[in-house]
């Protein structure tokens, strides 16, 4: 009998997210000066900050290199941000070693082929509903939200609710 993703939620202590296609909708606006602009969902930001404040680890592993993305994520309190990561296994193994992580405690949300190798190693691989087929096939949870449209909020809120930490002692300063 296959285990439901809901049975895995109580074990999660660490979230790892890709950026483009997960925290963003994967679209880029190219400015006249060549700058690439991404759009992030404020609700995803709230959920990540809430998770950090409740003692969860939130990490980013992205192939993108936009420093504005790093600035936004750092402002949310995320400390482990790997940009320009084209072989994501390397950064994942670094995080496992640094924090002595066990696969069953890690949720990784990705949307495209570069995320596949890490998703095969974690306890709860997840993706937005517009992820590519290979990623959907390896995922134990597929959000009903698209990338950049609240899929990060969706999965964080589920974990925190199951662990009875969602909006516990609500802090409006988030």
Protein backbone atom coordinates (compact mmCIF):
# COMPACT_ATOMS: atom_id res chain seq x y z
CA UNK A 1 0.00 0.00 0.00
CA UNK A 2 1.37 3.39 -1.02
CA UNK A 3 1.81 6.03 1.66
CA UNK A 4 -0.25 9.22 1.25
CA UNK A 5 1.73 12.46 1.19
CA UNK A 6 -0.37 13.59 4.18
CA UNK A 7 1.26 10.88 6.29
CA UNK A 8 4.66 12.46 5.51
CA UNK A 9 3.75 16.02 6.58
CA UNK A 10 4.34 15.54 10.33
CA UNK A 11 8.00 14.64 9.68
CA UNK A 12 8.93 17.75 7.69
CA UNK A 13 11.40 20.15 9.33
CA UNK A 14 13.08 21.53 6.20
CA UNK A 15 11.69 23.07 3.03
CA UNK A 16 13.84 23.45 -0.09
CA UNK A 17 12.47 25.43 -3.02
CA UNK A 18 13.51 26.16 -6.58
CA UNK A 19 12.84 29.74 -7.69
CA UNK A 20 11.85 29.97 -11.37
CA UNK A 21 8.61 28.08 -11.91
CA UNK A 22 8.02 27.55 -8.17
CA UNK A 23 8.41 30.89 -6.38
CA UNK A 24 7.76 32.59 -9.72
CA UNK A 25 5.51 31.71 -12.63
CA UNK A 26 8.59 31.05 -14.75
CA UNK A 27 8.05 34.14 -16.88
CA UNK A 28 10.75 36.79 -17.26
CA UNK A 29 10.22 40.43 -18.10
CA UNK A 30 13.22 41.69 -20.03
CA UNK A 31 13.84 45.35 -19.31
CA UNK A 32 15.40 47.69 -21.91
CA UNK A 33 18.70 47.59 -19.96
CA UNK A 34 18.73 43.78 -20.15
CA UNK A 35 17.69 43.24 -16.53
CA UNK A 36 15.48 40.20 -16.03
CA UNK A 37 12.52 40.84 -13.72
CA UNK A 38 10.67 38.07 -11.91
CA UNK A 39 7.38 38.25 -10.02
CA UNK A 40 6.95 36.52 -6.66
CA UNK A 41 3.75 35.90 -4.73
CA UNK A 42 3.50 37.79 -1.42
CA UNK A 43 1.52 34.91 0.11
CA UNK A 44 4.43 32.56 -0.58
CA UNK A 45 6.71 35.06 1.15
CA UNK A 46 4.42 35.23 4.18
CA UNK A 47 4.35 31.44 4.45
CA UNK A 48 8.14 31.12 4.22
CA UNK A 49 8.68 33.78 6.88
CA UNK A 50 6.03 32.18 9.08
CA UNK A 51 7.72 28.77 8.74
CA UNK A 52 11.11 30.24 9.69
CA UNK A 53 9.57 31.98 12.69
CA UNK A 54 8.09 28.63 13.79
CA UNK A 55 11.51 26.95 13.68
CA UNK A 56 11.46 25.37 10.24
CA UNK A 57 14.44 25.59 7.90
CA UNK A 58 13.74 27.15 4.48
CA UNK A 59 16.40 26.83 1.79
CA UNK A 60 16.64 27.85 -1.85
CA UNK A 61 18.48 25.99 -4.61
CA UNK A 62 18.12 27.73 -7.98
CA UNK A 63 19.89 27.77 -11.30
CA UNK A 64 19.08 31.48 -11.62
CA UNK A 65 21.59 34.12 -10.60
CA UNK A 66 19.48 37.24 -10.03
CA UNK A 67 20.77 39.10 -6.97
CA UNK A 68 17.41 40.86 -6.52
CA UNK A 69 15.98 37.40 -5.83
CA UNK A 70 18.64 36.85 -3.16
CA UNK A 71 17.83 40.23 -1.61
CA UNK A 72 14.09 39.43 -1.41
CA UNK A 73 14.68 35.98 0.08
CA UNK A 74 17.25 37.25 2.58
CA UNK A 75 14.74 39.90 3.72
CA UNK A 76 12.33 37.04 4.53
CA UNK A 77 14.96 35.50 6.81
CA UNK A 78 16.17 32.74 4.50
CA UNK A 79 19.85 32.08 5.14
CA UNK A 80 20.64 29.14 2.85
CA UNK A 81 20.30 30.54 -0.67
CA UNK A 82 22.15 28.83 -3.49
CA UNK A 83 21.91 30.70 -6.80
CA UNK A 84 23.61 29.62 -10.02
CA UNK A 85 23.20 25.98 -8.94
CA UNK A 86 23.18 23.89 -12.09
CA UNK A 87 23.99 20.61 -10.32
CA UNK A 88 21.53 20.86 -7.44
CA UNK A 89 22.66 17.58 -5.88
CA UNK A 90 25.88 19.28 -4.76
CA UNK A 91 24.01 21.99 -2.81
CA UNK A 92 21.54 19.46 -1.44
CA UNK A 93 24.36 17.27 -0.09
CA UNK A 94 25.97 20.37 1.44
CA UNK A 95 22.70 21.15 3.28
CA UNK A 96 22.34 17.52 4.43
CA UNK A 97 25.84 17.59 5.87
CA UNK A 98 25.55 21.08 7.37
CA UNK A 99 22.30 20.34 9.22
CA UNK A 100 22.54 16.53 9.53
CA UNK A 101 19.27 16.19 7.60
CA UNK A 102 17.41 12.95 7.10
CA UNK A 103 15.49 12.52 3.82
CA UNK A 104 12.17 12.00 5.61
CA UNK A 105 12.46 15.48 7.14
CA UNK A 106 12.92 17.27 3.80
CA UNK A 107 10.29 18.60 1.40
CA UNK A 108 11.67 19.78 -1.94
CA UNK A 109 9.46 21.62 -4.41
CA UNK A 110 10.67 21.86 -8.00
CA UNK A 111 9.10 22.22 -11.41
CA UNK A 112 11.56 21.14 -14.09
CA UNK A 113 14.17 18.53 -15.03
CA UNK A 114 17.11 20.12 -13.09
CA UNK A 115 15.14 19.45 -9.87
CA UNK A 116 14.65 15.74 -10.60
CA UNK A 117 17.88 14.33 -9.07
CA UNK A 118 17.26 16.02 -5.69
CA UNK A 119 13.58 15.16 -5.71
CA UNK A 120 14.48 11.46 -5.96
CA UNK A 121 16.42 11.76 -2.66
CA UNK A 122 14.02 13.65 -0.37
CA UNK A 123 11.18 12.31 1.75
CA UNK A 124 8.52 14.53 0.20
CA UNK A 125 9.08 15.67 -3.39
CA UNK A 126 6.43 18.20 -4.40
CA UNK A 127 5.64 20.42 -7.37
CA UNK A 128 3.26 23.08 -8.66
CA UNK A 129 0.49 21.80 -10.94
CA UNK A 130 2.18 23.25 -14.03
CA UNK A 131 5.45 21.35 -13.50
CA UNK A 132 6.79 19.24 -16.37
CA UNK A 133 5.61 15.64 -16.61
CA UNK A 134 8.86 14.09 -15.30
CA UNK A 135 8.61 16.17 -12.14
CA UNK A 136 4.93 15.42 -11.65
CA UNK A 137 5.71 11.71 -12.00
CA UNK A 138 8.34 11.77 -9.22
CA UNK A 139 6.29 14.04 -6.91
CA UNK A 140 4.39 12.66 -3.96
CA UNK A 141 2.38 15.89 -3.84
CA UNK A 142 1.22 18.08 -6.72
CA UNK A 143 -0.20 21.40 -5.54
CA UNK A 144 -3.44 22.61 -7.06
CA UNK A 145 -1.62 25.95 -7.50
CA UNK A 146 0.71 26.93 -10.33
CA UNK A 147 4.26 28.14 -9.86
CA UNK A 148 4.26 31.74 -8.60
CA UNK A 149 0.57 31.45 -7.75
CA UNK A 150 0.74 30.25 -4.15
CA UNK A 151 2.05 26.67 -4.46
CA UNK A 152 4.72 27.40 -1.84
CA UNK A 153 2.10 28.81 0.54
CA UNK A 154 -0.05 25.75 -0.13
CA UNK A 155 2.57 23.21 0.87
CA UNK A 156 3.98 25.17 3.83
CA UNK A 157 0.51 25.83 5.22
CA UNK A 158 -0.35 22.10 5.00
CA UNK A 159 2.79 21.11 6.90
CA UNK A 160 2.34 23.77 9.57
CA UNK A 161 -1.37 22.98 10.01
CA UNK A 162 -0.68 19.25 10.46
CA UNK A 163 2.00 20.11 13.01
CA UNK A 164 -0.39 22.62 14.67
CA UNK A 165 1.94 25.55 14.02
CA UNK A 166 -0.01 27.52 11.43
CA UNK A 167 -0.93 30.96 12.80
CA UNK A 168 -0.37 29.72 16.34
CA UNK A 169 0.21 32.94 18.31
CA UNK A 170 -0.52 34.97 15.17
CA UNK A 171 2.10 37.66 14.60
CA UNK A 172 0.86 40.53 12.43
CA UNK A 173 4.42 41.79 11.94
CA UNK A 174 5.12 38.98 9.46
